[in-house]
Amino acid sequence: MEFSFSPKLLVVAVAAALPLIASAADTPSTATARKGFAGYDHPNQYLVKPATTIADNMMPVMQHPAQDKETQQKLAELEKKTGKKPNVVVFLLDDVGWMDVGFNGGGVAVGNPTPDIDAVASQGLILTSAYSQPSSSPTRATILTGQYSIHHGILMPPMYGQPGGLQGLTTLPQLLHDQGYVTQAIGKWHMGENKESQPQNVGFDDFRGFNSVSDMYTEWRDVHVNPEVALSPARSEYIQKLPFSKDDVHAVRGGEQEAIADITPKYMEDLDQRWMEYGVKFLDKMAKSDKPFFLYYGTRGCHFDNYPNAKYAGSSPARTSYGDCMVEMNDIFANLYKALEKNGQLDNTLIVFTSDNGPEAEVPPHGRTPFRGAKGSTWEGGVRVPTFVYWKGMIQPRKSDGIVDLADLFPTALDLAGHPGAKVANLVPKTTFIDGVDQTSFFLGTNGQSNRKAEHYFLNGKLSAVRMDEFKYHVLIQQPYAYTQSGYQGGFTGTVMQTAGSSVFNLYTDPQESDSIGVRHIPMGVPLQTEMHAYMEILKKYPPRAQIKSD
């Protein structure tokens, strides 16, 4: 089909628009107070705007020269004042859903108040469309490498000593260390237990935490969870001999891990409190240092199984172990925040609050999401996570639906360290593709807009969906009830299925992704398919990697 341009149509269009222009000019200023807020007056319309390639091995970006210039000026002025680069704190929750926190409509409404988290969020930039990978380890590796799971190769969480991890990958802590940062990891790791993938060997100066995930330390010991194993000496001995760490550990750069304590269900009750105390001591120490720091803080909570600390057992209105855990997570975040505040570090610290994936729906009690799906799936409920960024005096309090992927934290942190935009390409091998987009100017700019054009979703190492603006296009889906019809269903239960090719959803009008509009809205499908094909071309040049997978 061919289209022709008609000057007569242009005249008619302009004439029709004139009354609207005049009307807009007469509108009171209070009605336009939200101008520039992504997702409210749609200033971006990225669906029909091209992204710009800034380096061959980096994700193309939506450029905003004015906000970039403003941001670099703000950073230069701050560095002149403080004499050092900014600090970065990543506070990463485990299996916490989009609606578990008050700033997204949950909190007290779902029986687990998060007042301190909400208070800080209200003074920062709340990101309503922030995305993780479908499960824990892939997301954690994405944060530390700036790569989607399809590129770093950790497609599933490694369990019980399974080989693979961050070994051989270029990591954010190592690059920041090279720029003079003190790098500290606390809490959950779960990115490989082999020595070469442990935190102290991939860029961190110090690590206090555990190498794996909560249930691996307790589920085979707890008679209420797995009596088939816990009450069988032979089976218990088999698990005990598997090559995985069973301890809360400590290590320094390049050294061996030292066991602090065996992690039993009883010890698990106090684990988050122990890590929090370690975190506060680290922040107090850095207050006396002239070096900037990177703190990667991964909580144990609220991954199953939750063994509430004595102080918090029964403390939530919900009176569930998950609700009690959320109340504890609120206090842990508050204590770290207060340490930064007491030490005068807030003015020079970017705080990122987020979760590694959606709620784990197979194991109740679990988190909440208003979206379809859960952890393990690429439905919105599995990958859209509660997120805000805060920086006192630097970030304008607001909400935005601009798309952010947690991979973006990699180039964003490196921008703060002095390597904005395309300069990151000089820090990684030419064979490494960076899927993250530098979002510094989005976060710090006045009414900043996202620099990311699209979100890409992956299932088991395959590109499964893409989102631009409010539209999402699926080619692969995860179907929970494909072969089991009862019980708790989530992202790890069911099967992966190919769509017929017209699965397009409007996430504003249909956040449950239940009514495909692909056939009726074919024009929306064209740019979505184009974006998917463009990423497939990237995969031809920078091939997928699979080191930890489900099959």
Protein backbone atom coordinates (compact mmCIF):
# COMPACT_ATOMS: atom_id res chain seq x y z
CA MET A 1 0.00 0.00 0.00
CA GLU A 2 1.31 3.46 -0.94
CA PHE A 3 0.66 6.73 0.86
CA SER A 4 0.70 10.19 -0.72
CA PHE A 5 1.09 13.62 0.88
CA SER A 6 -1.71 16.13 0.37
CA PRO A 7 -1.18 19.88 1.06
CA LYS A 8 -4.97 20.23 1.39
CA LEU A 9 -4.98 17.73 4.24
CA LEU A 10 -2.21 19.68 5.95
CA VAL A 11 -4.24 22.90 5.78
CA VAL A 12 -7.26 21.14 7.25
CA ALA A 13 -5.15 19.61 10.02
CA VAL A 14 -3.57 22.94 10.98
CA ALA A 15 -6.94 24.68 10.99
CA ALA A 16 -8.38 21.98 13.22
CA ALA A 17 -5.46 22.28 15.60
CA LEU A 18 -5.62 26.06 16.06
CA PRO A 19 -8.55 26.02 18.52
CA LEU A 20 -6.73 23.38 20.56
CA ILE A 21 -3.57 25.48 20.67
CA ALA A 22 -5.50 28.54 21.79
CA SER A 23 -7.32 26.50 24.41
CA ALA A 24 -4.04 25.17 25.78
CA ALA A 25 -2.66 28.70 26.05
CA ASP A 26 -5.67 29.76 28.11
CA THR A 27 -5.40 26.83 30.52
CA PRO A 28 -4.39 27.82 34.09
CA SER A 29 -0.80 26.98 35.01
CA THR A 30 -1.96 24.64 37.76
CA ALA A 31 -3.40 22.32 35.12
CA THR A 32 -0.01 21.94 33.44
CA ALA A 33 2.05 21.49 36.58
CA ARG A 34 2.88 17.90 35.61
CA LYS A 35 4.29 18.80 32.22
CA GLY A 36 7.30 16.66 31.40
CA PHE A 37 6.42 13.73 33.65
CA ALA A 38 6.74 10.54 31.63
CA GLY A 39 3.55 8.51 31.63
CA TYR A 40 1.22 11.41 32.38
CA ASP A 41 1.24 13.77 29.40
CA HIS A 42 3.25 11.41 27.17
CA PRO A 43 6.09 13.75 26.21
CA ASN A 44 8.24 10.94 24.89
CA GLN A 45 6.24 8.84 22.43
CA TYR A 46 9.27 6.59 22.05
CA LEU A 47 7.23 4.13 20.01
CA VAL A 48 7.72 6.28 16.93
CA LYS A 49 11.06 7.95 17.72
CA PRO A 50 14.41 6.41 16.76
CA ALA A 51 17.10 5.70 19.33
CA THR A 52 20.70 6.77 18.76
CA THR A 53 23.68 4.41 18.68
CA ILE A 54 26.42 5.88 20.89
CA ALA A 55 28.81 2.90 20.74
CA ASP A 56 28.76 -0.34 18.79
CA ASN A 57 28.66 -2.48 21.94
CA MET A 58 26.11 -0.41 23.87
CA MET A 59 22.31 -0.23 23.82
CA PRO A 60 21.03 2.64 21.62
CA VAL A 61 19.60 5.49 23.68
CA MET A 62 16.99 8.21 23.53
CA GLN A 63 19.00 11.40 23.71
CA HIS A 64 18.06 14.48 25.72
CA PRO A 65 20.90 16.99 25.25
CA ALA A 66 19.44 19.65 27.55
CA GLN A 67 18.95 17.34 30.53
CA ASP A 68 22.37 15.76 29.90
CA LYS A 69 24.03 19.18 30.03
CA GLU A 70 22.12 20.20 33.16
CA THR A 71 23.05 16.95 34.89
CA GLN A 72 26.76 17.15 34.15
CA GLN A 73 26.78 20.72 35.47
CA LYS A 74 25.08 19.61 38.70
CA LEU A 75 27.58 16.79 39.17
CA ALA A 76 30.55 19.07 38.51
CA GLU A 77 29.30 21.60 41.06
CA LEU A 78 28.75 18.87 43.65
CA GLU A 79 32.22 17.39 43.14
CA LYS A 80 33.74 20.86 43.50
CA LYS A 81 31.91 21.16 46.81
CA THR A 82 32.65 17.67 48.20
CA GLY A 83 36.02 17.00 46.61
CA LYS A 84 35.13 13.46 45.56
CA LYS A 85 32.86 11.40 43.36
CA PRO A 86 29.38 10.43 44.62
CA ASN A 87 28.67 7.30 46.64
CA VAL A 88 26.25 4.66 45.35
CA VAL A 89 24.06 2.45 47.55
CA VAL A 90 21.97 -0.34 46.00
CA PHE A 91 19.42 -1.73 48.47
CA LEU A 92 18.10 -4.94 46.91
CA LEU A 93 15.16 -6.81 48.45
CA ASP A 94 14.40 -10.46 47.71
CA ASP A 95 11.10 -11.61 46.15
CA VAL A 96 9.29 -8.41 47.17
CA GLY A 97 6.38 -7.54 44.89
CA TRP A 98 5.51 -4.23 43.26
CA MET A 99 2.59 -3.64 45.64
CA ASP A 100 4.21 -4.72 48.91
CA VAL A 101 5.35 -1.16 49.60
CA GLY A 102 3.21 1.80 50.51
CA PHE A 103 4.61 4.06 47.81
CA ASN A 104 2.97 1.77 45.24
CA GLY A 105 -0.34 1.49 47.06
CA GLY A 106 0.50 -1.46 49.31
CA GLY A 107 2.18 -1.21 52.70
CA VAL A 108 -0.45 -0.74 55.39
CA ALA A 109 -3.19 -1.52 52.85
CA VAL A 110 -1.89 -5.09 52.54
CA GLY A 111 -1.02 -5.58 56.21
CA ASN A 112 2.67 -4.69 56.25
CA PRO A 113 3.32 -0.96 56.81
CA THR A 114 6.49 0.46 55.25
CA PRO A 115 6.43 4.05 56.58
CA ASP A 116 10.16 4.78 56.48
CA ILE A 117 10.60 3.37 53.01
CA ASP A 118 7.61 5.39 51.82
CA ALA A 119 8.88 8.60 53.42
CA VAL A 120 12.20 8.41 51.58
CA ALA A 121 10.47 7.38 48.34
CA SER A 122 8.23 10.45 48.55
CA GLN A 123 11.34 12.63 48.43
CA GLY A 124 12.85 10.76 45.50
CA LEU A 125 11.97 9.60 42.00
CA ILE A 126 9.48 6.71 42.12
CA LEU A 127 9.87 4.53 39.04
CA THR A 128 6.59 2.79 38.28
CA SER A 129 8.05 0.91 35.29
CA ALA A 130 11.34 -0.46 36.61
CA TYR A 131 12.24 -3.96 35.43
CA SER A 132 14.25 -6.90 36.72
CA GLN A 133 14.95 -10.26 35.15
CA PRO A 134 12.39 -13.02 35.95
CA SER A 135 14.35 -14.41 38.90
CA SER A 136 16.97 -13.63 41.50
CA SER A 137 20.41 -14.59 40.21
CA PRO A 138 19.84 -13.31 36.66
CA THR A 139 18.79 -9.93 38.08
CA ARG A 140 21.72 -9.68 40.47
CA ALA A 141 24.16 -10.44 37.68
CA THR A 142 22.38 -7.91 35.46
CA ILE A 143 22.95 -5.17 38.04
CA LEU A 144 26.64 -5.97 38.40
CA THR A 145 27.40 -6.49 34.67
CA GLY A 146 24.98 -4.15 32.90
CA GLN A 147 23.91 -7.10 30.76
CA TYR A 148 20.62 -8.88 30.27
CA SER A 149 20.66 -12.53 31.33
CA ILE A 150 20.91 -13.57 27.68
CA HIS A 151 24.37 -11.98 27.58
CA HIS A 152 25.83 -12.75 31.02
CA GLY A 153 24.49 -16.30 30.82
CA ILE A 154 23.08 -16.77 34.33
CA LEU A 155 19.63 -17.77 33.16
CA MET A 156 18.48 -19.43 36.38
CA PRO A 157 19.51 -19.35 40.05
CA PRO A 158 22.38 -21.81 40.71
CA MET A 159 21.34 -24.30 43.37
CA TYR A 160 23.28 -26.53 45.76
CA GLY A 161 26.75 -25.84 44.37
CA GLN A 162 25.81 -25.77 40.69
CA PRO A 163 28.82 -24.42 38.72
CA GLY A 164 28.86 -21.05 36.96
CA GLY A 165 28.69 -17.42 37.96
CA LEU A 166 30.38 -14.06 37.45
CA GLN A 167 33.81 -15.53 36.77
CA GLY A 168 35.35 -13.92 33.68
CA LEU A 169 32.76 -11.13 33.41
CA THR A 170 33.49 -7.41 33.69
CA THR A 171 31.78 -6.23 36.86
CA LEU A 172 30.65 -2.89 38.24
CA PRO A 173 32.48 -3.26 41.58
CA GLN A 174 35.77 -3.97 39.82
CA LEU A 175 35.40 -0.97 37.51
CA LEU A 176 34.46 1.28 40.43
CA HIS A 177 37.38 -0.07 42.44
CA ASP A 178 39.63 0.89 39.53
CA GLN A 179 38.19 4.42 39.77
CA GLY A 180 39.15 4.71 43.43
CA TYR A 181 35.92 3.51 45.06
CA VAL A 182 35.72 1.34 48.17
CA THR A 183 33.44 -1.54 47.22
CA GLN A 184 31.39 -3.41 49.83
CA ALA A 185 28.95 -6.29 49.39
CA ILE A 186 26.62 -7.32 52.21
CA GLY A 187 23.95 -10.00 52.31
CA LYS A 188 22.71 -12.39 49.69
CA TRP A 189 25.09 -13.18 46.82
CA HIS A 190 23.73 -16.07 44.68
CA MET A 191 25.90 -15.37 41.63
CA GLY A 192 28.13 -18.41 41.84
CA GLU A 193 29.75 -20.28 44.72
CA ASN A 194 32.92 -21.31 42.88
CA LYS A 195 35.90 -19.38 44.22
CA GLU A 196 36.39 -17.32 41.06
CA SER A 197 32.77 -16.07 41.21
CA GLN A 198 32.71 -15.16 44.89
CA PRO A 199 32.31 -11.45 45.74
CA GLN A 200 35.85 -10.90 46.97
CA ASN A 201 37.16 -12.15 43.61
CA VAL A 202 34.94 -10.16 41.26
CA GLY A 203 35.61 -6.65 42.47
CA PHE A 204 34.49 -6.24 46.07
CA ASP A 205 36.96 -5.15 48.73
CA ASP A 206 34.92 -6.80 51.47
CA PHE A 207 31.99 -9.22 51.71
CA ARG A 208 29.77 -10.24 54.60
CA GLY A 209 26.83 -12.50 53.79
CA PHE A 210 25.94 -15.88 52.35
CA ASN A 211 26.77 -17.30 48.94
CA SER A 212 23.38 -18.64 47.98
CA VAL A 213 19.69 -18.24 48.92
CA SER A 214 17.61 -18.60 52.10
CA ASP A 215 15.86 -21.89 51.41
CA MET A 216 19.07 -23.73 50.56
CA TYR A 217 20.21 -23.31 54.15
CA THR A 218 16.99 -24.36 55.84
CA GLU A 219 14.58 -26.36 53.70
CA TRP A 220 16.45 -29.66 54.10
CA ARG A 221 16.77 -29.10 57.86
CA ASP A 222 13.24 -28.00 58.72
CA VAL A 223 10.87 -30.86 59.53
CA HIS A 224 7.90 -28.56 58.88
CA VAL A 225 9.06 -27.81 55.33
CA ASN A 226 10.69 -31.02 54.06
CA PRO A 227 10.09 -33.85 56.53
CA GLU A 228 10.96 -36.29 53.72
CA VAL A 229 14.54 -35.04 53.96
CA ALA A 230 14.86 -33.61 57.47
CA LEU A 231 13.64 -36.84 59.09
CA SER A 232 15.78 -39.08 56.90
CA PRO A 233 19.42 -39.36 58.06
CA ALA A 234 20.52 -40.76 54.69
CA ARG A 235 18.86 -38.01 52.67
CA SER A 236 20.07 -35.31 55.05
CA GLU A 237 23.61 -36.64 54.76
CA TYR A 238 23.34 -36.57 50.95
CA ILE A 239 22.36 -32.88 50.96
CA GLN A 240 24.98 -32.07 53.59
CA LYS A 241 27.72 -33.42 51.31
CA LEU A 242 26.71 -31.37 48.26
CA PRO A 243 29.36 -28.76 47.34
CA PHE A 244 27.68 -25.62 48.63
CA SER A 245 28.51 -23.28 51.50
CA LYS A 246 26.24 -23.60 54.51
CA ASP A 247 27.61 -20.62 56.40
CA ASP A 248 27.32 -16.92 57.02
CA VAL A 249 30.76 -15.84 55.75
CA HIS A 250 33.23 -12.97 55.58
CA ALA A 251 35.98 -12.31 53.05
CA VAL A 252 38.31 -9.53 51.92
CA ARG A 253 39.53 -8.84 48.39
CA GLY A 254 41.40 -11.82 46.96
CA GLY A 255 41.19 -13.82 50.18
CA GLU A 256 39.49 -16.99 51.36
CA GLN A 257 36.01 -16.94 52.82
CA GLU A 258 35.89 -17.33 56.59
CA ALA A 259 32.89 -19.09 58.13
CA ILE A 260 31.22 -16.99 60.82
CA ALA A 261 28.41 -19.39 61.69
CA ASP A 262 26.42 -22.33 60.38
CA ILE A 263 23.08 -21.03 59.06
CA THR A 264 20.37 -22.99 60.85
CA PRO A 265 16.69 -22.00 60.91
CA LYS A 266 17.31 -20.46 64.35
CA TYR A 267 20.32 -18.47 63.14
CA MET A 268 18.28 -17.30 60.16
CA GLU A 269 15.95 -15.38 62.51
CA ASP A 270 18.67 -12.84 63.29
CA LEU A 271 20.57 -12.85 60.01
CA ASP A 272 19.18 -9.66 58.51
CA GLN A 273 19.82 -7.86 61.81
CA ARG A 274 23.45 -9.04 61.84
CA TRP A 275 23.97 -7.84 58.28
CA MET A 276 22.32 -4.51 59.03
CA GLU A 277 24.71 -3.91 61.93
CA TYR A 278 27.62 -4.68 59.61
CA GLY A 279 26.23 -2.21 57.07
CA VAL A 280 25.91 0.59 59.61
CA LYS A 281 29.51 0.02 60.76
CA PHE A 282 30.67 0.22 57.14
CA LEU A 283 28.85 3.53 56.60
CA ASP A 284 30.27 4.92 59.84
CA LYS A 285 33.77 3.93 58.72
CA MET A 286 33.33 5.53 55.29
CA ALA A 287 32.22 8.80 56.91
CA LYS A 288 35.85 9.21 57.97
CA SER A 289 37.26 8.34 54.53
CA ASP A 290 38.12 10.64 51.65
CA LYS A 291 37.18 7.90 49.16
CA PRO A 292 33.74 7.37 47.58
CA PHE A 293 32.06 4.01 48.15
CA PHE A 294 29.79 1.52 46.43
CA LEU A 295 27.57 -0.46 48.81
CA TYR A 296 25.72 -3.42 47.29
CA TYR A 297 23.28 -4.51 50.00
CA GLY A 298 21.15 -7.60 49.34
CA THR A 299 18.67 -8.49 52.07
CA ARG A 300 17.78 -12.04 53.01
CA GLY A 301 14.14 -11.02 53.35
CA CYS A 302 11.65 -11.68 52.18
CA HIS A 303 12.57 -14.86 50.32
CA PHE A 304 10.94 -18.01 51.68
CA ASP A 305 11.32 -19.43 54.22
CA ASN A 306 10.86 -16.44 56.50
CA TYR A 307 11.80 -17.07 60.12
CA PRO A 308 10.78 -13.81 61.83
CA ASN A 309 13.18 -12.16 64.20
CA ALA A 310 11.81 -12.27 67.76
CA LYS A 311 11.26 -8.51 67.73
CA TYR A 312 9.15 -8.71 64.57
CA ALA A 313 7.19 -11.95 64.97
CA GLY A 314 3.53 -10.96 64.87
CA SER A 315 4.38 -7.28 64.36
CA SER A 316 2.55 -6.85 61.05
CA PRO A 317 -1.23 -6.31 60.88
CA ALA A 318 -1.26 -9.26 58.46
CA ARG A 319 0.34 -11.46 61.16
CA THR A 320 2.07 -13.60 58.54
CA SER A 321 5.75 -14.43 58.38
CA TYR A 322 5.96 -12.50 55.11
CA GLY A 323 4.21 -9.44 56.54
CA ASP A 324 6.46 -9.51 59.61
CA CYS A 325 9.48 -9.71 57.32
CA MET A 326 8.35 -6.62 55.38
CA VAL A 327 8.06 -4.67 58.63
CA GLU A 328 11.61 -5.74 59.48
CA MET A 329 12.85 -4.75 55.99
CA ASN A 330 11.37 -1.29 56.52
CA ASP A 331 13.36 -0.89 59.72
CA ILE A 332 16.57 -2.22 58.17
CA PHE A 333 16.34 0.28 55.33
CA ALA A 334 15.55 3.01 57.87
CA ASN A 335 18.62 2.19 59.96
CA LEU A 336 20.93 2.34 56.95
CA TYR A 337 19.32 5.60 55.83
CA LYS A 338 19.67 7.10 59.30
CA ALA A 339 23.35 6.15 59.36
CA LEU A 340 23.87 8.04 56.10
CA GLU A 341 21.91 10.97 57.51
CA LYS A 342 23.82 11.03 60.81
CA ASN A 343 27.13 10.93 58.97
CA GLY A 344 26.22 13.73 56.57
CA GLN A 345 26.51 11.38 53.57
CA LEU A 346 23.06 11.92 52.02
CA ASP A 347 24.13 14.97 50.00
CA ASN A 348 26.66 12.89 48.08
CA THR A 349 24.95 9.49 47.85
CA LEU A 350 22.65 8.00 45.24
CA ILE A 351 20.33 5.46 46.91
CA VAL A 352 18.62 2.86 44.72
CA PHE A 353 15.80 0.89 46.36
CA THR A 354 14.52 -2.11 44.41
CA SER A 355 13.70 -5.85 44.36
CA ASP A 356 15.22 -8.71 42.39
CA ASN A 357 11.94 -9.94 40.86
CA GLY A 358 8.22 -10.21 41.49
CA PRO A 359 6.62 -12.26 44.28
CA GLU A 360 7.23 -16.00 44.59
CA ALA A 361 3.64 -17.16 44.11
CA GLU A 362 4.35 -20.87 44.56
CA VAL A 363 5.19 -20.51 48.25
CA PRO A 364 2.71 -18.66 50.49
CA PRO A 365 2.62 -16.35 52.27
CA HIS A 366 4.16 -14.25 49.53
CA GLY A 367 4.30 -10.75 48.10
CA ARG A 368 1.72 -8.88 46.05
CA THR A 369 1.55 -7.39 42.60
CA PRO A 370 -1.37 -5.80 40.74
CA PHE A 371 -0.03 -7.32 37.53
CA ARG A 372 -0.38 -10.72 35.92
CA GLY A 373 2.17 -13.39 36.74
CA ALA A 374 4.89 -13.78 39.33
CA LYS A 375 8.56 -14.56 39.80
CA GLY A 376 9.88 -16.75 37.00
CA SER A 377 7.63 -15.28 34.31
CA THR A 378 7.85 -12.32 31.94
CA TRP A 379 4.32 -11.23 32.65
CA GLU A 380 4.53 -7.85 34.36
CA GLY A 381 4.04 -9.39 37.81
CA GLY A 382 7.27 -11.34 37.41
CA VAL A 383 9.56 -8.53 36.35
CA ARG A 384 8.09 -5.13 37.24
CA VAL A 385 9.57 -4.33 40.64
CA PRO A 386 9.11 -1.65 43.35
CA THR A 387 11.82 0.92 42.74
CA PHE A 388 12.81 4.46 43.60
CA VAL A 389 16.00 6.50 43.49
CA TYR A 390 16.83 9.11 46.12
CA TRP A 391 19.58 11.70 46.35
CA LYS A 392 19.13 14.60 48.76
CA GLY A 393 19.16 17.90 46.92
CA MET A 394 19.91 16.28 43.57
CA ILE A 395 16.76 14.35 42.62
CA GLN A 396 13.44 16.12 42.14
CA PRO A 397 10.62 14.36 44.07
CA ARG A 398 8.23 12.92 41.48
CA LYS A 399 6.83 9.79 39.87
CA SER A 400 7.62 8.60 36.37
CA ASP A 401 6.50 5.74 34.16
CA GLY A 402 9.64 6.10 32.09
CA ILE A 403 11.11 2.65 31.49
CA VAL A 404 14.16 1.62 33.51
CA ASP A 405 15.90 -1.75 33.55
CA LEU A 406 18.11 -2.69 36.49
CA ALA A 407 20.89 -3.16 33.92
CA ASP A 408 20.85 0.64 33.70
CA LEU A 409 22.46 0.89 37.14
CA PHE A 410 25.78 -0.27 35.64
CA PRO A 411 26.36 2.64 33.21
CA THR A 412 24.60 5.08 35.56
CA ALA A 413 27.03 4.33 38.41
CA LEU A 414 29.96 4.59 36.01
CA ASP A 415 28.69 7.98 34.85
CA LEU A 416 28.82 9.14 38.47
CA ALA A 417 32.38 7.81 38.63
CA GLY A 418 33.32 10.01 35.67
CA HIS A 419 32.49 7.89 32.62
CA PRO A 420 29.20 9.12 31.13
CA GLY A 421 27.43 7.66 28.11
CA ALA A 422 29.64 6.16 25.42
CA LYS A 423 32.75 6.38 27.63
CA VAL A 424 31.62 3.15 29.32
CA ALA A 425 32.45 1.31 26.09
CA ASN A 426 36.13 2.00 26.77
CA LEU A 427 35.95 0.18 30.11
CA VAL A 428 34.70 -3.20 28.84
CA PRO A 429 36.00 -5.63 26.21
CA LYS A 430 34.83 -4.92 22.66
CA THR A 431 33.13 -8.33 22.67
CA THR A 432 30.97 -7.35 25.66
CA PHE A 433 27.59 -5.81 24.89
CA ILE A 434 26.18 -3.46 27.54
CA ASP A 435 22.38 -3.72 27.64
CA GLY A 436 22.08 -1.03 30.29
CA VAL A 437 21.41 2.62 29.48
CA ASP A 438 22.92 5.54 31.40
CA GLN A 439 19.97 7.04 33.29
CA THR A 440 21.88 9.70 35.22
CA SER A 441 20.21 12.60 33.41
CA PHE A 442 16.79 10.97 33.80
CA PHE A 443 17.29 10.71 37.55
CA LEU A 444 18.93 14.09 38.12
CA GLY A 445 17.47 16.28 35.37
CA THR A 446 14.60 18.68 36.02
CA ASN A 447 11.52 16.73 34.90
CA GLY A 448 14.00 14.28 33.41
CA GLN A 449 12.88 11.74 30.83
CA SER A 450 14.06 8.14 30.51
CA ASN A 451 16.95 7.51 28.15
CA ARG A 452 15.74 3.96 27.47
CA LYS A 453 13.57 3.34 24.41
CA ALA A 454 12.41 -0.21 25.16
CA GLU A 455 12.35 -3.01 27.69
CA HIS A 456 13.33 -6.49 26.48
CA TYR A 457 12.14 -9.63 28.27
CA PHE A 458 13.76 -13.07 28.30
CA LEU A 459 12.58 -16.59 29.16
CA ASN A 460 15.10 -19.43 29.43
CA GLY A 461 17.62 -17.61 27.26
CA LYS A 462 15.19 -16.54 24.56
CA LEU A 463 13.85 -13.09 23.70
CA SER A 464 10.20 -13.36 24.70
CA ALA A 465 8.69 -9.86 24.67
CA VAL A 466 9.37 -6.17 24.17
CA ARG A 467 7.74 -3.04 25.61
CA MET A 468 7.73 0.54 24.31
CA ASP A 469 5.57 3.26 25.86
CA GLU A 470 2.41 1.52 27.12
CA PHE A 471 2.48 -1.32 24.57
CA LYS A 472 3.97 -4.78 25.09
CA TYR A 473 4.43 -7.49 22.45
CA HIS A 474 4.87 -11.17 23.41
CA VAL A 475 6.29 -13.97 21.27
CA LEU A 476 6.84 -16.40 24.18
CA ILE A 477 4.77 -16.65 27.35
CA GLN A 478 4.84 -18.63 30.55
CA GLN A 479 1.57 -20.42 31.28
CA PRO A 480 1.19 -21.58 34.93
CA TYR A 481 -1.82 -23.85 34.55
CA ALA A 482 -0.63 -25.65 31.42
CA TYR A 483 -0.49 -29.08 33.06
CA THR A 484 -1.46 -28.64 36.72
CA GLN A 485 -4.90 -27.36 37.63
CA SER A 486 -4.67 -26.83 41.38
CA GLY A 487 -2.35 -25.55 44.06
CA TYR A 488 -0.28 -22.39 44.16
CA GLN A 489 0.84 -21.41 40.69
CA GLY A 490 3.64 -19.02 39.76
CA GLY A 491 6.37 -18.35 37.27
CA PHE A 492 8.24 -21.61 37.79
CA THR A 493 5.14 -23.79 37.48
CA GLY A 494 3.81 -24.50 34.01
CA THR A 495 5.32 -24.32 30.56
CA VAL A 496 6.76 -21.84 28.08
CA MET A 497 4.61 -21.43 24.99
CA GLN A 498 4.97 -19.62 21.68
CA THR A 499 2.27 -17.10 20.81
CA ALA A 500 0.50 -16.91 17.47
CA GLY A 501 2.18 -13.59 16.76
CA SER A 502 -0.48 -11.01 17.60
CA SER A 503 -0.15 -10.82 21.40
CA VAL A 504 -0.03 -7.08 22.03
CA PHE A 505 -1.24 -5.55 25.30
CA ASN A 506 -1.86 -1.98 26.42
CA LEU A 507 -0.38 -1.98 29.93
CA TYR A 508 -2.24 1.17 30.94
CA THR A 509 -5.72 -0.10 30.14
CA ASP A 510 -4.96 -3.80 30.65
CA PRO A 511 -2.22 -4.28 33.29
CA GLN A 512 -3.34 -7.89 33.69
CA GLU A 513 -2.36 -8.60 30.06
CA SER A 514 -5.61 -10.46 29.50
CA ASP A 515 -7.01 -8.87 26.34
CA SER A 516 -4.71 -8.83 23.32
CA ILE A 517 -5.25 -5.91 20.96
CA GLY A 518 -2.76 -7.08 18.35
CA VAL A 519 -5.27 -7.73 15.56
CA ARG A 520 -7.15 -4.45 16.04
CA HIS A 521 -4.02 -2.33 16.64
CA ILE A 522 -1.69 -3.58 13.93
CA PRO A 523 -0.02 -0.13 13.56
CA MET A 524 1.21 -0.46 17.17
CA GLY A 525 2.67 -3.86 16.37
CA VAL A 526 4.91 -2.59 13.58
CA PRO A 527 7.38 -0.60 15.74
CA LEU A 528 7.29 -3.30 18.42
CA GLN A 529 8.25 -5.98 15.91
CA THR A 530 10.88 -3.66 14.48
CA GLU A 531 12.43 -3.23 17.93
CA MET A 532 12.41 -6.99 18.50
CA HIS A 533 14.13 -7.60 15.17
CA ALA A 534 16.69 -4.91 15.99
CA TYR A 535 17.63 -6.71 19.21
CA MET A 536 17.84 -10.01 17.34
CA GLU A 537 20.44 -8.34 15.11
CA ILE A 538 22.38 -7.39 18.24
CA LEU A 539 22.30 -11.05 19.29
CA LYS A 540 23.83 -12.07 15.97
CA LYS A 541 26.85 -9.86 16.63
CA TYR A 542 26.96 -10.41 20.41
CA PRO A 543 25.67 -14.00 20.77
CA PRO A 544 23.66 -15.35 23.70
CA ARG A 545 25.47 -17.07 26.50
CA ALA A 546 24.12 -19.89 28.67
CA GLN A 547 26.18 -20.99 31.67
CA ILE A 548 23.48 -21.59 34.30
CA LYS A 549 20.22 -22.80 32.79
CA SER A 550 17.19 -24.96 33.53
CA ASP A 551 17.82 -27.72 30.97
